[in-house]
């Protein structure tokens, strides 16, 4: 859910010219506006994806950001499970949302086989947590 690119442009600055940001959304208008906004940025790729398909290559992502979007998923557990193959071996999923949305996300993450590896709780009205796939027994 890259939307109009609030985080997209900031992430592109953070990864620098040798990093790559893939911004996905399901909304045609958001995709159109985001593409216009980041035109010429070589380290940003904008993709339209289906609502239940992340549209990410296997083993390619060090970090996947879900910002205020998980409540739109038809099935949080299924979507988080679909994200797992896209992560590199040390890859993480960062999730931020209103604090009231934390319990269902945490439950879904645990059911999908993730563990919380860190959490930042100093945001006004929001949480930010980082997930990694749990190690297999």
N, C-alpha and C. Protein backbone atom coordinates (compact mmCIF):
# COMPACT_ATOMS: atom_id res chain seq x y z
N UNK A 1 0.81 -1.19 0.00
CA UNK A 1 0.00 0.00 0.00
C UNK A 1 0.85 1.25 0.00
N UNK A 2 1.62 1.47 -1.05
CA UNK A 2 2.51 2.64 -1.11
C UNK A 2 1.73 3.94 -1.18
N UNK A 3 0.49 3.89 -1.64
CA UNK A 3 -0.31 5.10 -1.73
C UNK A 3 0.38 6.15 -2.59
N UNK A 4 0.46 7.36 -2.09
CA UNK A 4 1.06 8.46 -2.84
C UNK A 4 2.56 8.60 -2.60
N UNK A 5 3.13 7.69 -1.80
CA UNK A 5 4.58 7.63 -1.70
C UNK A 5 5.23 8.33 -0.53
N UNK A 6 4.48 8.58 0.53
CA UNK A 6 5.08 9.24 1.70
C UNK A 6 6.36 8.51 2.14
N UNK A 7 6.25 7.20 2.33
CA UNK A 7 7.43 6.43 2.75
C UNK A 7 8.32 6.06 1.58
N UNK A 8 7.77 5.91 0.40
CA UNK A 8 8.54 5.49 -0.76
C UNK A 8 9.75 6.38 -0.99
N UNK A 9 9.53 7.67 -1.02
CA UNK A 9 10.62 8.60 -1.28
C UNK A 9 11.63 8.62 -0.13
N UNK A 10 11.15 8.52 1.09
CA UNK A 10 12.06 8.50 2.24
C UNK A 10 12.89 7.22 2.27
N UNK A 11 12.27 6.11 1.92
CA UNK A 11 13.02 4.85 1.86
C UNK A 11 14.06 4.88 0.75
N UNK A 12 13.71 5.48 -0.38
CA UNK A 12 14.67 5.59 -1.49
C UNK A 12 15.89 6.41 -1.08
N UNK A 13 15.67 7.46 -0.30
CA UNK A 13 16.80 8.25 0.21
C UNK A 13 17.63 7.39 1.16
N UNK A 14 16.97 6.60 2.01
CA UNK A 14 17.67 5.79 3.00
C UNK A 14 18.52 4.70 2.35
N UNK A 15 18.04 4.06 1.29
CA UNK A 15 18.81 2.99 0.66
C UNK A 15 19.88 3.53 -0.28
N UNK A 16 19.75 4.79 -0.67
CA UNK A 16 20.76 5.40 -1.52
C UNK A 16 20.71 4.91 -2.96
N UNK A 17 21.65 5.38 -3.77
CA UNK A 17 21.61 5.09 -5.20
C UNK A 17 21.87 3.62 -5.55
N UNK A 18 22.48 2.86 -4.65
CA UNK A 18 22.74 1.45 -4.95
C UNK A 18 21.64 0.53 -4.43
N UNK A 19 20.72 1.08 -3.62
CA UNK A 19 19.60 0.29 -3.12
C UNK A 19 18.41 0.41 -4.05
N UNK A 20 17.40 -0.39 -3.78
CA UNK A 20 16.20 -0.40 -4.62
C UNK A 20 14.97 -0.43 -3.73
N UNK A 21 13.97 0.38 -4.08
CA UNK A 21 12.68 0.38 -3.40
C UNK A 21 11.63 -0.04 -4.41
N UNK A 22 10.81 -1.02 -4.04
CA UNK A 22 9.69 -1.44 -4.86
C UNK A 22 8.43 -1.01 -4.12
N UNK A 23 7.67 -0.12 -4.73
CA UNK A 23 6.45 0.42 -4.13
C UNK A 23 5.25 -0.23 -4.80
N UNK A 24 4.41 -0.88 -4.02
CA UNK A 24 3.25 -1.57 -4.58
C UNK A 24 1.96 -0.97 -4.04
N UNK A 25 0.92 -1.05 -4.85
CA UNK A 25 -0.41 -0.64 -4.42
C UNK A 25 -1.42 -1.34 -5.33
N UNK A 26 -2.67 -1.38 -4.89
CA UNK A 26 -3.73 -2.00 -5.70
C UNK A 26 -4.57 -0.97 -6.43
N UNK A 27 -4.41 0.30 -6.05
CA UNK A 27 -5.26 1.37 -6.56
C UNK A 27 -4.66 2.04 -7.79
N UNK A 28 -5.39 2.04 -8.90
CA UNK A 28 -4.89 2.62 -10.15
C UNK A 28 -4.53 4.09 -10.01
N UNK A 29 -5.37 4.87 -9.35
CA UNK A 29 -5.11 6.30 -9.22
C UNK A 29 -3.86 6.55 -8.37
N UNK A 30 -3.71 5.81 -7.28
CA UNK A 30 -2.52 5.96 -6.44
C UNK A 30 -1.27 5.60 -7.24
N UNK A 31 -1.33 4.53 -8.00
CA UNK A 31 -0.19 4.11 -8.83
C UNK A 31 0.15 5.21 -9.84
N UNK A 32 -0.85 5.75 -10.49
CA UNK A 32 -0.63 6.80 -11.48
C UNK A 32 0.05 8.02 -10.84
N UNK A 33 -0.47 8.47 -9.71
CA UNK A 33 0.09 9.64 -9.04
C UNK A 33 1.50 9.37 -8.50
N UNK A 34 1.71 8.16 -7.96
CA UNK A 34 3.03 7.82 -7.43
C UNK A 34 4.06 7.76 -8.56
N UNK A 35 3.69 7.16 -9.68
CA UNK A 35 4.63 7.10 -10.82
C UNK A 35 5.02 8.51 -11.26
N UNK A 36 4.07 9.42 -11.32
CA UNK A 36 4.37 10.80 -11.71
C UNK A 36 5.28 11.46 -10.68
N UNK A 37 5.05 11.19 -9.42
CA UNK A 37 5.81 11.80 -8.33
C UNK A 37 7.27 11.33 -8.31
N UNK A 38 7.53 10.08 -8.67
CA UNK A 38 8.89 9.53 -8.58
C UNK A 38 9.57 9.40 -9.95
N UNK A 39 8.98 9.97 -10.96
CA UNK A 39 9.54 9.92 -12.31
C UNK A 39 11.02 10.32 -12.29
N UNK A 40 11.84 9.49 -12.90
CA UNK A 40 13.27 9.77 -12.97
C UNK A 40 14.07 9.21 -11.82
N UNK A 41 13.41 8.72 -10.77
CA UNK A 41 14.14 8.12 -9.65
C UNK A 41 14.52 6.69 -10.03
N UNK A 42 15.79 6.46 -10.25
CA UNK A 42 16.26 5.16 -10.72
C UNK A 42 16.17 4.06 -9.65
N UNK A 43 16.10 4.45 -8.39
CA UNK A 43 16.06 3.42 -7.34
C UNK A 43 14.65 3.17 -6.80
N UNK A 44 13.63 3.58 -7.56
CA UNK A 44 12.24 3.31 -7.18
C UNK A 44 11.52 2.64 -8.36
N UNK A 45 10.91 1.51 -8.08
CA UNK A 45 10.05 0.84 -9.06
C UNK A 45 8.64 0.80 -8.48
N UNK A 46 7.67 1.23 -9.27
CA UNK A 46 6.27 1.26 -8.84
C UNK A 46 5.54 0.13 -9.56
N UNK A 47 4.80 -0.67 -8.78
CA UNK A 47 4.06 -1.81 -9.34
C UNK A 47 2.62 -1.82 -8.85
N UNK A 48 1.71 -2.13 -9.77
CA UNK A 48 0.33 -2.41 -9.37
C UNK A 48 0.26 -3.90 -9.07
N UNK A 49 -0.36 -4.25 -7.95
CA UNK A 49 -0.49 -5.65 -7.55
C UNK A 49 -1.96 -5.96 -7.28
N UNK A 50 -2.27 -7.24 -7.26
CA UNK A 50 -3.61 -7.69 -6.91
C UNK A 50 -3.78 -7.61 -5.39
N UNK A 51 -5.01 -7.46 -4.89
CA UNK A 51 -5.22 -7.31 -3.45
C UNK A 51 -4.65 -8.42 -2.58
N UNK A 52 -4.64 -9.64 -3.06
CA UNK A 52 -4.16 -10.75 -2.23
C UNK A 52 -2.80 -11.28 -2.68
N UNK A 53 -2.11 -10.57 -3.58
CA UNK A 53 -0.82 -11.03 -4.08
C UNK A 53 0.23 -9.95 -3.89
N UNK A 54 1.26 -10.20 -3.08
CA UNK A 54 2.27 -9.18 -2.85
C UNK A 54 3.01 -8.74 -4.11
N UNK A 55 3.18 -9.62 -5.09
CA UNK A 55 3.86 -9.24 -6.32
C UNK A 55 5.34 -8.99 -6.15
N UNK A 56 5.98 -9.74 -5.26
CA UNK A 56 7.41 -9.57 -4.97
C UNK A 56 8.18 -10.84 -5.30
N UNK A 57 9.38 -10.67 -5.83
CA UNK A 57 10.23 -11.80 -6.20
C UNK A 57 10.73 -12.54 -4.96
N UNK A 58 10.94 -13.83 -5.11
CA UNK A 58 11.42 -14.66 -4.00
C UNK A 58 12.86 -14.30 -3.63
N UNK A 59 13.10 -14.25 -2.32
CA UNK A 59 14.44 -14.06 -1.79
C UNK A 59 15.11 -12.74 -2.11
N UNK A 60 14.35 -11.70 -2.39
CA UNK A 60 14.94 -10.45 -2.89
C UNK A 60 14.86 -9.27 -1.92
N UNK A 61 14.17 -9.37 -0.79
CA UNK A 61 13.88 -8.19 0.02
C UNK A 61 14.43 -8.30 1.44
N UNK A 62 15.23 -7.30 1.79
CA UNK A 62 15.77 -7.20 3.15
C UNK A 62 14.73 -6.66 4.12
N UNK A 63 13.83 -5.81 3.60
CA UNK A 63 12.81 -5.21 4.45
C UNK A 63 11.54 -5.01 3.62
N UNK A 64 10.43 -5.40 4.19
CA UNK A 64 9.12 -5.15 3.60
C UNK A 64 8.35 -4.31 4.61
N UNK A 65 7.86 -3.15 4.17
CA UNK A 65 7.13 -2.24 5.05
C UNK A 65 5.64 -2.34 4.77
N UNK A 66 4.87 -2.57 5.82
CA UNK A 66 3.41 -2.53 5.76
C UNK A 66 2.98 -1.36 6.64
N UNK A 67 2.57 -0.28 6.02
CA UNK A 67 2.20 0.91 6.77
C UNK A 67 0.70 1.16 6.67
N UNK A 68 0.02 0.96 7.78
CA UNK A 68 -1.42 1.20 7.89
C UNK A 68 -2.21 0.53 6.77
N UNK A 69 -1.87 -0.73 6.50
CA UNK A 69 -2.52 -1.43 5.40
C UNK A 69 -3.06 -2.80 5.78
N UNK A 70 -2.56 -3.41 6.84
CA UNK A 70 -2.92 -4.80 7.13
C UNK A 70 -4.41 -4.99 7.38
N UNK A 71 -5.12 -3.97 7.82
CA UNK A 71 -6.56 -4.12 8.06
C UNK A 71 -7.35 -4.28 6.76
N UNK A 72 -6.72 -3.98 5.62
CA UNK A 72 -7.37 -4.17 4.33
C UNK A 72 -7.25 -5.60 3.81
N UNK A 73 -6.34 -6.38 4.37
CA UNK A 73 -6.14 -7.75 3.88
C UNK A 73 -7.36 -8.60 4.19
N UNK A 74 -7.81 -9.36 3.21
CA UNK A 74 -8.92 -10.27 3.43
C UNK A 74 -8.60 -11.29 4.51
N UNK A 75 -7.34 -11.71 4.56
CA UNK A 75 -6.86 -12.70 5.52
C UNK A 75 -5.42 -12.33 5.87
N UNK A 76 -5.22 -11.74 7.04
CA UNK A 76 -3.88 -11.29 7.43
C UNK A 76 -2.88 -12.44 7.45
N UNK A 77 -3.28 -13.59 7.99
CA UNK A 77 -2.37 -14.73 8.09
C UNK A 77 -1.93 -15.16 6.70
N UNK A 78 -2.86 -15.29 5.79
CA UNK A 78 -2.54 -15.69 4.42
C UNK A 78 -1.58 -14.70 3.77
N UNK A 79 -1.85 -13.41 3.92
CA UNK A 79 -1.00 -12.41 3.27
C UNK A 79 0.41 -12.43 3.85
N UNK A 80 0.53 -12.51 5.16
CA UNK A 80 1.85 -12.58 5.77
C UNK A 80 2.59 -13.85 5.34
N UNK A 81 1.86 -14.93 5.19
CA UNK A 81 2.46 -16.17 4.71
C UNK A 81 2.97 -15.99 3.29
N UNK A 82 2.23 -15.28 2.46
CA UNK A 82 2.64 -15.03 1.07
C UNK A 82 3.86 -14.11 0.99
N UNK A 83 4.07 -13.29 1.99
CA UNK A 83 5.24 -12.41 1.99
C UNK A 83 6.55 -13.15 2.29
N UNK A 84 6.47 -14.20 3.07
CA UNK A 84 7.67 -14.90 3.54
C UNK A 84 8.66 -15.25 2.43
N UNK A 85 8.22 -15.85 1.31
CA UNK A 85 9.21 -16.21 0.28
C UNK A 85 9.98 -15.03 -0.31
N UNK A 86 9.44 -13.83 -0.22
CA UNK A 86 10.11 -12.65 -0.78
C UNK A 86 11.29 -12.18 0.07
N UNK A 87 11.34 -12.58 1.32
CA UNK A 87 12.39 -12.12 2.22
C UNK A 87 13.73 -12.82 1.94
N UNK A 88 14.82 -12.05 2.12
CA UNK A 88 16.15 -12.65 2.11
C UNK A 88 16.30 -13.45 3.41
N UNK A 89 17.36 -14.25 3.57
CA UNK A 89 17.51 -15.01 4.81
C UNK A 89 17.49 -14.16 6.08
N UNK A 90 17.97 -12.93 6.02
CA UNK A 90 17.94 -12.04 7.19
C UNK A 90 16.84 -10.99 7.08
N UNK A 91 15.93 -11.16 6.13
CA UNK A 91 14.89 -10.17 5.87
C UNK A 91 13.88 -10.03 7.00
N UNK A 92 13.30 -8.84 7.08
CA UNK A 92 12.31 -8.52 8.12
C UNK A 92 11.10 -7.86 7.49
N UNK A 93 10.01 -7.89 8.21
CA UNK A 93 8.81 -7.15 7.84
C UNK A 93 8.59 -6.11 8.93
N UNK A 94 8.49 -4.86 8.53
CA UNK A 94 8.18 -3.77 9.47
C UNK A 94 6.71 -3.45 9.32
N UNK A 95 6.02 -3.31 10.44
CA UNK A 95 4.60 -2.98 10.41
C UNK A 95 4.37 -1.78 11.33
N UNK A 96 3.67 -0.80 10.79
CA UNK A 96 3.27 0.35 11.59
C UNK A 96 1.78 0.60 11.36
N UNK A 97 1.12 0.97 12.44
CA UNK A 97 -0.32 1.21 12.38
C UNK A 97 -0.74 1.85 13.70
N UNK A 98 -2.00 2.21 13.79
CA UNK A 98 -2.55 2.70 15.05
C UNK A 98 -2.43 1.62 16.12
N UNK A 99 -2.20 2.01 17.34
CA UNK A 99 -2.02 1.03 18.42
C UNK A 99 -3.21 0.07 18.55
N UNK A 100 -4.40 0.54 18.28
CA UNK A 100 -5.58 -0.32 18.37
C UNK A 100 -5.53 -1.46 17.37
N UNK A 101 -4.73 -1.33 16.32
CA UNK A 101 -4.63 -2.36 15.28
C UNK A 101 -3.52 -3.37 15.57
N UNK A 102 -2.78 -3.19 16.66
CA UNK A 102 -1.66 -4.09 16.97
C UNK A 102 -2.10 -5.52 17.31
N UNK A 103 -3.10 -5.72 18.20
CA UNK A 103 -3.44 -7.10 18.57
C UNK A 103 -3.79 -8.03 17.40
N UNK A 104 -4.64 -7.61 16.45
CA UNK A 104 -4.92 -8.54 15.36
C UNK A 104 -3.70 -8.79 14.46
N UNK A 105 -2.83 -7.81 14.32
CA UNK A 105 -1.62 -8.03 13.52
C UNK A 105 -0.69 -9.01 14.22
N UNK A 106 -0.48 -8.83 15.50
CA UNK A 106 0.41 -9.72 16.25
C UNK A 106 -0.13 -11.15 16.22
N UNK A 107 -1.41 -11.33 16.41
CA UNK A 107 -2.01 -12.67 16.36
C UNK A 107 -1.82 -13.29 14.99
N UNK A 108 -2.04 -12.53 13.93
CA UNK A 108 -1.87 -13.04 12.57
C UNK A 108 -0.41 -13.37 12.30
N UNK A 109 0.50 -12.53 12.75
CA UNK A 109 1.93 -12.77 12.53
C UNK A 109 2.35 -14.07 13.21
N UNK A 110 1.91 -14.27 14.44
CA UNK A 110 2.25 -15.51 15.15
C UNK A 110 1.66 -16.72 14.44
N UNK A 111 0.42 -16.62 13.99
CA UNK A 111 -0.22 -17.73 13.27
C UNK A 111 0.48 -18.01 11.94
N UNK A 112 1.08 -16.99 11.33
CA UNK A 112 1.78 -17.15 10.06
C UNK A 112 3.24 -17.58 10.26
N UNK A 113 3.65 -17.75 11.51
CA UNK A 113 4.99 -18.24 11.79
C UNK A 113 6.06 -17.17 11.91
N UNK A 114 5.69 -15.98 12.35
CA UNK A 114 6.65 -14.91 12.57
C UNK A 114 6.83 -14.65 14.05
N UNK A 115 7.96 -14.05 14.39
CA UNK A 115 8.22 -13.59 15.75
C UNK A 115 8.54 -12.09 15.68
N UNK A 116 8.21 -11.39 16.74
CA UNK A 116 8.58 -9.97 16.84
C UNK A 116 10.04 -9.92 17.29
N UNK A 117 10.89 -9.27 16.49
CA UNK A 117 12.30 -9.18 16.85
C UNK A 117 12.65 -7.84 17.49
N UNK A 118 11.85 -6.83 17.24
CA UNK A 118 12.02 -5.54 17.92
C UNK A 118 10.77 -4.71 17.74
N UNK A 119 10.66 -3.70 18.61
CA UNK A 119 9.48 -2.83 18.54
C UNK A 119 9.86 -1.44 19.01
N UNK A 120 9.32 -0.45 18.33
CA UNK A 120 9.52 0.95 18.68
C UNK A 120 8.16 1.49 19.09
N UNK A 121 8.08 1.99 20.31
CA UNK A 121 6.78 2.37 20.86
C UNK A 121 6.66 3.85 21.20
N UNK A 122 7.55 4.68 20.66
CA UNK A 122 7.52 6.10 20.99
C UNK A 122 6.82 6.96 19.96
N UNK A 123 5.99 6.37 19.14
CA UNK A 123 5.26 7.13 18.13
C UNK A 123 3.90 7.52 18.70
N UNK A 124 3.45 8.73 18.42
CA UNK A 124 2.13 9.12 18.93
C UNK A 124 1.01 8.32 18.26
N UNK A 125 0.30 7.55 19.04
CA UNK A 125 -0.87 6.78 18.61
C UNK A 125 -0.55 5.60 17.70
N UNK A 126 0.72 5.38 17.38
CA UNK A 126 1.11 4.29 16.47
C UNK A 126 2.11 3.35 17.14
N UNK A 127 2.23 2.17 16.57
CA UNK A 127 3.29 1.25 16.94
C UNK A 127 4.13 0.98 15.69
N UNK A 128 5.34 0.52 15.88
CA UNK A 128 6.20 0.05 14.80
C UNK A 128 6.89 -1.19 15.32
N UNK A 129 6.65 -2.31 14.66
CA UNK A 129 7.32 -3.53 15.07
C UNK A 129 7.96 -4.20 13.87
N UNK A 130 8.96 -5.04 14.16
CA UNK A 130 9.70 -5.75 13.13
C UNK A 130 9.53 -7.24 13.36
N UNK A 131 9.18 -7.95 12.29
CA UNK A 131 8.94 -9.39 12.32
C UNK A 131 9.98 -10.13 11.51
N UNK A 132 10.28 -11.34 11.94
CA UNK A 132 11.11 -12.27 11.18
C UNK A 132 10.42 -13.63 11.24
N UNK A 133 10.60 -14.41 10.17
CA UNK A 133 10.08 -15.77 10.26
C UNK A 133 10.72 -16.51 11.43
N UNK A 134 9.91 -17.25 12.15
CA UNK A 134 10.43 -18.05 13.26
C UNK A 134 11.32 -19.15 12.71
N UNK A 135 12.34 -19.51 13.45
CA UNK A 135 13.21 -20.61 13.02
C UNK A 135 12.43 -21.91 13.09
N UNK A 136 12.63 -22.75 12.10
CA UNK A 136 11.96 -24.05 12.10
C UNK A 136 12.56 -24.92 13.19
N UNK A 137 11.73 -25.74 13.83
CA UNK A 137 12.24 -26.62 14.91
C UNK A 137 13.16 -27.69 14.38
